Amino acid sequence: ADAVIMVDSLAGVARLVTIARQTVR
């Protein structure tokens, strides 16, 4: 994988995409 969620929760996926969009902006 290119990214790994280290906690047992799927919420990290949405957070990662949000962070990516703000970072690129």
PDB file of all heavy atoms in Angstrom:
ATOM      1  N   ALA A   1       0.819  -1.209   0.000  1.00  0.00           N
ATOM      2  CA  ALA A   1       0.000   0.000   0.000  1.00  0.00           C
ATOM      3  C   ALA A   1       0.854   1.261   0.000  1.00  0.00           C
ATOM      4  O   ALA A   1       2.029   1.249   0.352  1.00  0.00           O
ATOM      5  CB  ALA A   1      -0.925   0.002   1.215  1.00  0.00           C
ATOM      6  N   ASP A   2       0.215   2.360  -0.399  1.00  0.00           N
ATOM      7  CA  ASP A   2       0.848   3.681  -0.379  1.00  0.00           C
ATOM      8  C   ASP A   2       0.575   4.411   0.922  1.00  0.00           C
ATOM      9  O   ASP A   2       1.272   5.369   1.260  1.00  0.00           O
ATOM     10  CB  ASP A   2       0.330   4.520  -1.550  1.00  0.00           C
ATOM     11  CG  ASP A   2       0.608   3.853  -2.885  1.00  0.00           C
ATOM     12  OD1 ASP A   2       1.783   3.735  -3.245  1.00  0.00           O
ATOM     13  OD2 ASP A   2      -0.354   3.420  -3.543  1.00  0.00           O
ATOM     14  N   ALA A   3      -0.456   3.981   1.648  1.00  0.00           N
ATOM     15  CA  ALA A   3      -0.789   4.551   2.952  1.00  0.00           C
ATOM     16  C   ALA A   3      -1.332   3.431   3.822  1.00  0.00           C
ATOM     17  O   ALA A   3      -1.963   2.493   3.324  1.00  0.00           O
ATOM     18  CB  ALA A   3      -1.822   5.668   2.819  1.00  0.00           C
ATOM     19  N   VAL A   4      -1.064   3.526   5.118  1.00  0.00           N
ATOM     20  CA  VAL A   4      -1.479   2.473   6.056  1.00  0.00           C
ATOM     21  C   VAL A   4      -2.204   3.107   7.230  1.00  0.00           C
ATOM     22  O   VAL A   4      -1.681   4.029   7.865  1.00  0.00           O
ATOM     23  CB  VAL A   4      -0.262   1.667   6.577  1.00  0.00           C
ATOM     24  CG1 VAL A   4      -0.732   0.538   7.489  1.00  0.00           C
ATOM     25  CG2 VAL A   4       0.552   1.108   5.420  1.00  0.00           C
ATOM     26  N   ILE A   5      -3.422   2.613   7.497  1.00  0.00           N
ATOM     27  CA  ILE A   5      -4.196   3.072   8.651  1.00  0.00           C
ATOM     28  C   ILE A   5      -3.812   2.195   9.838  1.00  0.00           C
ATOM     29  O   ILE A   5      -4.030   0.979   9.815  1.00  0.00           O
ATOM     30  CB  ILE A   5      -5.700   2.991   8.365  1.00  0.00           C
ATOM     31  CG1 ILE A   5      -6.052   3.903   7.184  1.00  0.00           C
ATOM     32  CG2 ILE A   5      -6.511   3.390   9.590  1.00  0.00           C
ATOM     33  CD1 ILE A   5      -7.483   3.768   6.714  1.00  0.00           C
ATOM     34  N   MET A   6      -3.240   2.804  10.870  1.00  0.00           N
ATOM     35  CA  MET A   6      -2.643   2.040  11.964  1.00  0.00           C
ATOM     36  C   MET A   6      -3.616   1.750  13.097  1.00  0.00           C
ATOM     37  O   MET A   6      -3.236   1.117  14.079  1.00  0.00           O
ATOM     38  CB  MET A   6      -1.427   2.797  12.512  1.00  0.00           C
ATOM     39  CG  MET A   6      -0.358   3.071  11.469  1.00  0.00           C
ATOM     40  SD  MET A   6       0.208   1.577  10.603  1.00  0.00           S
ATOM     41  CE  MET A   6       0.918   0.661  11.969  1.00  0.00           C
ATOM     42  N   VAL A   7      -4.844   2.210  13.022  1.00  0.00           N
ATOM     43  CA  VAL A   7      -5.850   1.914  14.034  1.00  0.00           C
ATOM     44  C   VAL A   7      -6.981   1.137  13.376  1.00  0.00           C
ATOM     45  O   VAL A   7      -7.173   1.187  12.160  1.00  0.00           O
ATOM     46  CB  VAL A   7      -6.402   3.199  14.685  1.00  0.00           C
ATOM     47  CG1 VAL A   7      -5.330   3.879  15.511  1.00  0.00           C
ATOM     48  CG2 VAL A   7      -6.957   4.155  13.641  1.00  0.00           C
ATOM     49  N   ASP A   8      -7.728   0.415  14.202  1.00  0.00           N
ATOM     50  CA  ASP A   8      -8.780  -0.444  13.667  1.00  0.00           C
ATOM     51  C   ASP A   8     -10.048   0.370  13.427  1.00  0.00           C
ATOM     52  O   ASP A   8     -11.072   0.184  14.088  1.00  0.00           O
ATOM     53  CB  ASP A   8      -9.049  -1.590  14.641  1.00  0.00           C
ATOM     54  CG  ASP A   8      -9.951  -2.655  14.025  1.00  0.00           C
ATOM     55  OD1 ASP A   8      -9.975  -2.756  12.784  1.00  0.00           O
ATOM     56  OD2 ASP A   8     -10.635  -3.373  14.778  1.00  0.00           O
ATOM     57  N   SER A   9      -9.963   1.292  12.478  1.00  0.00           N
ATOM     58  CA  SER A   9     -11.102   2.140  12.139  1.00  0.00           C
ATOM     59  C   SER A   9     -10.976   2.590  10.698  1.00  0.00           C
ATOM     60  O   SER A   9      -9.893   2.955  10.243  1.00  0.00           O
ATOM     61  CB  SER A   9     -11.168   3.360  13.064  1.00  0.00           C
ATOM     62  OG  SER A   9     -12.149   4.270  12.612  1.00  0.00           O
ATOM     63  N   LEU A  10     -12.104   2.590   9.995  1.00  0.00           N
ATOM     64  CA  LEU A  10     -12.130   3.020   8.601  1.00  0.00           C
ATOM     65  C   LEU A  10     -12.175   4.539   8.477  1.00  0.00           C
ATOM     66  O   LEU A  10     -11.976   5.077   7.389  1.00  0.00           O
ATOM     67  CB  LEU A  10     -13.347   2.397   7.911  1.00  0.00           C
ATOM     68  CG  LEU A  10     -13.365   2.353   6.380  1.00  0.00           C
ATOM     69  CD1 LEU A  10     -12.220   1.522   5.850  1.00  0.00           C
ATOM     70  CD2 LEU A  10     -14.699   1.792   5.897  1.00  0.00           C
ATOM     71  N   ALA A  11     -12.395   5.238   9.589  1.00  0.00           N
ATOM     72  CA  ALA A  11     -12.517   6.700   9.546  1.00  0.00           C
ATOM     73  C   ALA A  11     -11.257   7.358   8.998  1.00  0.00           C
ATOM     74  O   ALA A  11     -11.321   8.450   8.427  1.00  0.00           O
ATOM     75  CB  ALA A  11     -12.829   7.238  10.945  1.00  0.00           C
ATOM     76  N   GLY A  12     -10.107   6.695   9.151  1.00  0.00           N
ATOM     77  CA  GLY A  12      -8.857   7.257   8.650  1.00  0.00           C
ATOM     78  C   GLY A  12      -8.849   7.467   7.151  1.00  0.00           C
ATOM     79  O   GLY A  12      -8.106   8.326   6.652  1.00  0.00           O
ATOM     80  N   VAL A  13      -9.656   6.715   6.408  1.00  0.00           N
ATOM     81  CA  VAL A  13      -9.702   6.871   4.952  1.00  0.00           C
ATOM     82  C   VAL A  13     -10.241   8.247   4.586  1.00  0.00           C
ATOM     83  O   VAL A  13      -9.660   8.973   3.768  1.00  0.00           O
ATOM     84  CB  VAL A  13     -10.558   5.763   4.310  1.00  0.00           C
ATOM     85  CG1 VAL A  13     -10.729   6.011   2.809  1.00  0.00           C
ATOM     86  CG2 VAL A  13      -9.937   4.396   4.552  1.00  0.00           C
ATOM     87  N   ALA A  14     -11.373   8.619   5.180  1.00  0.00           N
ATOM     88  CA  ALA A  14     -11.962   9.928   4.890  1.00  0.00           C
ATOM     89  C   ALA A  14     -11.045  11.048   5.366  1.00  0.00           C
ATOM     90  O   ALA A  14     -10.887  12.070   4.686  1.00  0.00           O
ATOM     91  CB  ALA A  14     -13.331  10.038   5.551  1.00  0.00           C
ATOM     92  N   ARG A  15     -10.432  10.867   6.539  1.00  0.00           N
ATOM     93  CA  ARG A  15      -9.519  11.894   7.047  1.00  0.00           C
ATOM     94  C   ARG A  15      -8.330  12.063   6.106  1.00  0.00           C
ATOM     95  O   ARG A  15      -7.874  13.185   5.853  1.00  0.00           O
ATOM     96  CB  ARG A  15      -9.031  11.508   8.443  1.00  0.00           C
ATOM     97  CG  ARG A  15     -10.110  11.562   9.504  1.00  0.00           C
ATOM     98  CD  ARG A  15      -9.600  11.005  10.810  1.00  0.00           C
ATOM     99  NE  ARG A  15     -10.664  10.910  11.799  1.00  0.00           N
ATOM    100  CZ  ARG A  15     -10.624  10.102  12.845  1.00  0.00           C
ATOM    101  NH1 ARG A  15      -9.580   9.310  13.030  1.00  0.00           N
ATOM    102  NH2 ARG A  15     -11.624  10.068  13.710  1.00  0.00           N
ATOM    103  N   LEU A  16      -7.811  10.950   5.593  1.00  0.00           N
ATOM    104  CA  LEU A  16      -6.659  11.009   4.697  1.00  0.00           C
ATOM    105  C   LEU A  16      -6.978  11.783   3.432  1.00  0.00           C
ATOM    106  O   LEU A  16      -6.182  12.626   2.982  1.00  0.00           O
ATOM    107  CB  LEU A  16      -6.214   9.582   4.346  1.00  0.00           C
ATOM    108  CG  LEU A  16      -5.095   9.441   3.313  1.00  0.00           C
ATOM    109  CD1 LEU A  16      -3.834  10.148   3.798  1.00  0.00           C
ATOM    110  CD2 LEU A  16      -4.817   7.979   3.030  1.00  0.00           C
ATOM    111  N   VAL A  17      -8.136  11.538   2.834  1.00  0.00           N
ATOM    112  CA  VAL A  17      -8.514  12.242   1.609  1.00  0.00           C
ATOM    113  C   VAL A  17      -8.708  13.738   1.884  1.00  0.00           C
ATOM    114  O   VAL A  17      -8.283  14.587   1.095  1.00  0.00           O
ATOM    115  CB  VAL A  17      -9.798  11.631   1.007  1.00  0.00           C
ATOM    116  CG1 VAL A  17     -10.269  12.434  -0.192  1.00  0.00           C
ATOM    117  CG2 VAL A  17      -9.541  10.180   0.585  1.00  0.00           C
ATOM    118  N   THR A  18      -9.306  14.065   3.019  1.00  0.00           N
ATOM    119  CA  THR A  18      -9.480  15.473   3.390  1.00  0.00           C
ATOM    120  C   THR A  18      -8.128  16.162   3.574  1.00  0.00           C
ATOM    121  O   THR A  18      -7.910  17.284   3.097  1.00  0.00           O
ATOM    122  CB  THR A  18     -10.305  15.579   4.690  1.00  0.00           C
ATOM    123  OG1 THR A  18     -11.590  14.995   4.481  1.00  0.00           O
ATOM    124  CG2 THR A  18     -10.471  17.027   5.111  1.00  0.00           C
ATOM    125  N   ILE A  19      -7.219  15.495   4.269  1.00  0.00           N
ATOM    126  CA  ILE A  19      -5.874  16.048   4.485  1.00  0.00           C
ATOM    127  C   ILE A  19      -5.164  16.237   3.149  1.00  0.00           C
ATOM    128  O   ILE A  19      -4.487  17.256   2.925  1.00  0.00           O
ATOM    129  CB  ILE A  19      -5.067  15.125   5.414  1.00  0.00           C
ATOM    130  CG1 ILE A  19      -5.611  15.210   6.841  1.00  0.00           C
ATOM    131  CG2 ILE A  19      -3.579  15.485   5.389  1.00  0.00           C
ATOM    132  CD1 ILE A  19      -5.047  14.170   7.779  1.00  0.00           C
ATOM    133  N   ALA A  20      -5.300  15.270   2.255  1.00  0.00           N
ATOM    134  CA  ALA A  20      -4.636  15.359   0.946  1.00  0.00           C
ATOM    135  C   ALA A  20      -5.116  16.581   0.175  1.00  0.00           C
ATOM    136  O   ALA A  20      -4.308  17.319  -0.412  1.00  0.00           O
ATOM    137  CB  ALA A  20      -4.904  14.090   0.142  1.00  0.00           C
ATOM    138  N   ARG A  21      -6.412  16.823   0.177  1.00  0.00           N
ATOM    139  CA  ARG A  21      -6.949  17.958  -0.574  1.00  0.00           C
ATOM    140  C   ARG A  21      -6.474  19.283   0.006  1.00  0.00           C
ATOM    141  O   ARG A  21      -6.101  20.199  -0.731  1.00  0.00           O
ATOM    142  CB  ARG A  21      -8.472  17.881  -0.589  1.00  0.00           C
ATOM    143  CG  ARG A  21      -8.977  16.769  -1.518  1.00  0.00           C
ATOM    144  CD  ARG A  21     -10.471  16.658  -1.513  1.00  0.00           C
ATOM    145  NE  ARG A  21     -10.887  15.658  -2.508  1.00  0.00           N
ATOM    146  CZ  ARG A  21     -11.885  14.813  -2.338  1.00  0.00           C
ATOM    147  NH1 ARG A  21     -12.587  14.832  -1.234  1.00  0.00           N
ATOM    148  NH2 ARG A  21     -12.200  13.943  -3.284  1.00  0.00           N
ATOM    149  N   GLN A  22      -6.457  19.379   1.330  1.00  0.00           N
ATOM    150  CA  GLN A  22      -5.995  20.630   1.926  1.00  0.00           C
ATOM    151  C   GLN A  22      -4.495  20.815   1.694  1.00  0.00           C
ATOM    152  O   GLN A  22      -4.023  21.923   1.436  1.00  0.00           O
ATOM    153  CB  GLN A  22      -6.281  20.657   3.416  1.00  0.00           C
ATOM    154  CG  GLN A  22      -5.996  22.039   4.012  1.00  0.00           C
ATOM    155  CD  GLN A  22      -5.596  21.996   5.474  1.00  0.00           C
ATOM    156  OE1 GLN A  22      -5.580  20.945   6.090  1.00  0.00           O
ATOM    157  NE2 GLN A  22      -5.261  23.147   6.029  1.00  0.00           N
ATOM    158  N   THR A  23      -3.730  19.718   1.777  1.00  0.00           N
ATOM    159  CA  THR A  23      -2.280  19.809   1.593  1.00  0.00           C
ATOM    160  C   THR A  23      -1.936  20.309   0.195  1.00  0.00           C
ATOM    161  O   THR A  23      -1.084  21.195   0.028  1.00  0.00           O
ATOM    162  CB  THR A  23      -1.628  18.437   1.825  1.00  0.00           C
ATOM    163  OG1 THR A  23      -1.873  18.020   3.175  1.00  0.00           O
ATOM    164  CG2 THR A  23      -0.129  18.497   1.583  1.00  0.00           C
ATOM    165  N   VAL A  24      -2.578  19.752  -0.806  1.00  0.00           N
ATOM    166  CA  VAL A  24      -2.309  20.185  -2.181  1.00  0.00           C
ATOM    167  C   VAL A  24      -2.735  21.633  -2.381  1.00  0.00           C
ATOM    168  O   VAL A  24      -2.049  22.402  -3.069  1.00  0.00           O
ATOM    169  CB  VAL A  24      -3.024  19.249  -3.182  1.00  0.00           C
ATOM    170  CG1 VAL A  24      -2.952  19.815  -4.595  1.00  0.00           C
ATOM    171  CG2 VAL A  24      -2.393  17.862  -3.148  1.00  0.00           C
ATOM    172  N   ARG A  25      -3.835  22.016  -1.771  1.00  0.00           N
ATOM    173  CA  ARG A  25      -4.287  23.417  -1.877  1.00  0.00           C
ATOM    174  C   ARG A  25      -3.241  24.358  -1.282  1.00  0.00           C
ATOM    175  O   ARG A  25      -2.893  25.391  -1.885  1.00  0.00           O
ATOM    176  CB  ARG A  25      -5.632  23.574  -1.177  1.00  0.00           C
ATOM    177  CG  ARG A  25      -6.225  24.975  -1.303  1.00  0.00           C
ATOM    178  CD  ARG A  25      -7.695  24.992  -0.894  1.00  0.00           C
ATOM    179  NE  ARG A  25      -7.893  24.560   0.480  1.00  0.00           N
ATOM    180  CZ  ARG A  25      -8.456  23.397   0.822  1.00  0.00           C
ATOM    181  NH1 ARG A  25      -8.860  22.551  -0.106  1.00  0.00           N
ATOM    182  NH2 ARG A  25      -8.615  23.079   2.083  1.00  0.00           N
TER     183      ARG A  25
END
